[in-house]
Amino acid sequence: MKNSVTNELLLHIEEYIIDNDLINEDLGDIQELHNDIFNTDFYIIGYYNCEQWLKKHHINTFDAIEFVQEYEKDNFGETNPDINSERIVNMIAYITGEQILFDFAAQNNQPR
């Protein structure tokens, strides 16, 4: 995914850690942290806001759909037929956030 998306999501992760007083704590299970940050609530709400987010990051709609569908096929064996800007953008955040956190865990010898 684009660097601008990665950078934005890094800031989102940092804000979550600060807001939840996790700065000086062991981050624990990275999968649980990922779930808390990216799966318990939408990253962006509203079709219009999501469309604007794609434009802000210069992401082609079809490239975004393909990115999400490839992930779903690789991880679930099928794709979700529900295609709308809100679901696609939030899945991009979920997927990219997962990669950021798993890369962090690997670099710091933490369990996933």
Protein backbone atom coordinates (compact mmCIF):
# COMPACT_ATOMS: atom_id res chain seq x y z
CA MET A 1 0.00 0.00 0.00
CA LYS A 2 1.08 3.59 -0.44
CA ASN A 3 3.51 5.21 2.00
CA SER A 4 0.98 7.91 2.82
CA VAL A 5 -1.46 5.24 4.05
CA THR A 6 1.23 3.49 6.08
CA ASN A 7 2.32 6.79 7.65
CA GLU A 8 -1.26 7.74 8.52
CA LEU A 9 -1.92 4.36 10.09
CA LEU A 10 1.35 4.50 12.05
CA LEU A 11 0.10 7.74 13.59
CA HIS A 12 -3.25 6.11 14.32
CA ILE A 13 -1.50 3.22 16.10
CA GLU A 14 0.66 5.64 18.09
CA GLU A 15 -2.41 7.64 19.13
CA TYR A 16 -4.16 4.46 20.24
CA ILE A 17 -1.15 3.43 22.33
CA ILE A 18 -0.93 6.88 23.93
CA ASP A 19 -4.69 7.20 24.49
CA ASN A 20 -4.80 3.80 26.18
CA ASP A 21 -1.71 4.34 28.33
CA LEU A 22 0.23 1.51 26.71
CA ILE A 23 3.46 3.48 26.23
CA ASN A 24 5.48 1.85 29.00
CA GLU A 25 3.72 -1.50 28.88
CA ASP A 26 4.42 -4.67 26.99
CA LEU A 27 2.12 -4.48 23.99
CA GLY A 28 1.26 -8.12 24.52
CA ASP A 29 -0.39 -10.14 21.83
CA ILE A 30 0.03 -8.26 18.55
CA GLN A 31 -3.03 -9.93 17.05
CA GLU A 32 -5.13 -8.74 19.98
CA LEU A 33 -3.71 -5.22 19.67
CA HIS A 34 -4.45 -5.27 15.93
CA ASN A 35 -8.00 -6.41 16.62
CA ASP A 36 -8.51 -3.66 19.21
CA ILE A 37 -7.23 -0.93 16.89
CA PHE A 38 -8.62 -1.98 13.52
CA ASN A 39 -11.45 -4.45 14.06
CA THR A 40 -13.57 -3.23 16.96
CA ASP A 41 -14.64 -0.05 15.16
CA PHE A 42 -14.47 1.47 11.70
CA TYR A 43 -11.35 3.47 10.90
CA ILE A 44 -13.42 5.83 8.73
CA ILE A 45 -17.21 6.08 8.74
CA GLY A 46 -19.33 7.11 5.78
CA TYR A 47 -19.17 6.42 2.07
CA TYR A 48 -18.31 10.00 1.17
CA ASN A 49 -15.53 10.21 3.78
CA CYS A 50 -14.08 6.95 2.50
CA GLU A 51 -14.20 8.11 -1.11
CA GLN A 52 -12.37 11.28 -0.08
CA TRP A 53 -9.78 9.21 1.80
CA LEU A 54 -9.05 7.18 -1.34
CA LYS A 55 -8.65 10.42 -3.32
CA LYS A 56 -6.42 11.95 -0.63
CA HIS A 57 -4.06 8.98 -0.92
CA HIS A 58 -4.33 8.82 -4.74
CA ILE A 59 -5.69 5.29 -4.65
CA ASN A 60 -7.60 4.10 -7.68
CA THR A 61 -10.92 2.54 -6.68
CA PHE A 62 -10.30 -0.61 -8.70
CA ASP A 63 -6.80 -1.00 -7.28
CA ALA A 64 -8.26 -0.70 -3.77
CA ILE A 65 -10.88 -3.37 -4.51
CA GLU A 66 -8.24 -5.67 -6.00
CA PHE A 67 -5.95 -5.17 -2.98
CA VAL A 68 -8.74 -6.17 -0.58
CA GLN A 69 -9.94 -9.08 -2.71
CA GLU A 70 -6.44 -10.54 -3.00
CA TYR A 71 -6.07 -10.42 0.78
CA GLU A 72 -9.46 -12.04 1.29
CA LYS A 73 -8.71 -14.82 -1.22
CA ASP A 74 -5.31 -15.51 0.36
CA ASN A 75 -6.64 -15.52 3.94
CA PHE A 76 -10.24 -16.69 3.65
CA GLY A 77 -10.37 -18.52 0.32
CA GLU A 78 -13.13 -16.26 -0.97
CA THR A 79 -14.02 -12.61 -1.31
CA ASN A 80 -16.82 -10.67 0.32
CA PRO A 81 -19.31 -9.66 -2.39
CA ASP A 82 -20.19 -6.45 -0.51
CA ILE A 83 -18.21 -3.78 -2.34
CA ASN A 84 -18.60 -0.21 -1.15
CA SER A 85 -16.12 2.52 -0.29
CA GLU A 86 -16.61 2.18 3.47
CA ARG A 87 -15.89 -1.54 3.57
CA ILE A 88 -12.97 -1.28 1.16
CA VAL A 89 -11.26 1.59 3.00
CA ASN A 90 -11.70 -0.05 6.38
CA MET A 91 -10.31 -3.31 5.01
CA ILE A 92 -7.30 -1.41 3.63
CA ALA A 93 -6.74 0.02 7.12
CA TYR A 94 -7.18 -3.46 8.65
CA ILE A 95 -4.75 -5.11 6.22
CA THR A 96 -2.13 -2.37 6.33
CA GLY A 97 -2.40 -2.06 10.12
CA GLU A 98 -1.86 -5.81 10.42
CA GLN A 99 1.29 -5.59 8.30
CA ILE A 100 2.63 -2.64 10.30
CA LEU A 101 2.09 -4.39 13.64
CA PHE A 102 3.42 -7.76 12.47
CA ASP A 103 6.53 -6.08 11.03
CA PHE A 104 7.01 -4.30 14.37
CA ALA A 105 6.67 -7.61 16.22
CA ALA A 106 9.19 -9.31 13.94
CA GLN A 107 11.71 -6.49 14.34
CA ASN A 108 11.36 -6.57 18.12
CA ASN A 109 11.24 -10.35 18.54
CA GLN A 110 7.71 -10.18 19.96
CA PRO A 111 5.18 -12.95 19.51
CA ARG A 112 2.47 -12.36 16.99
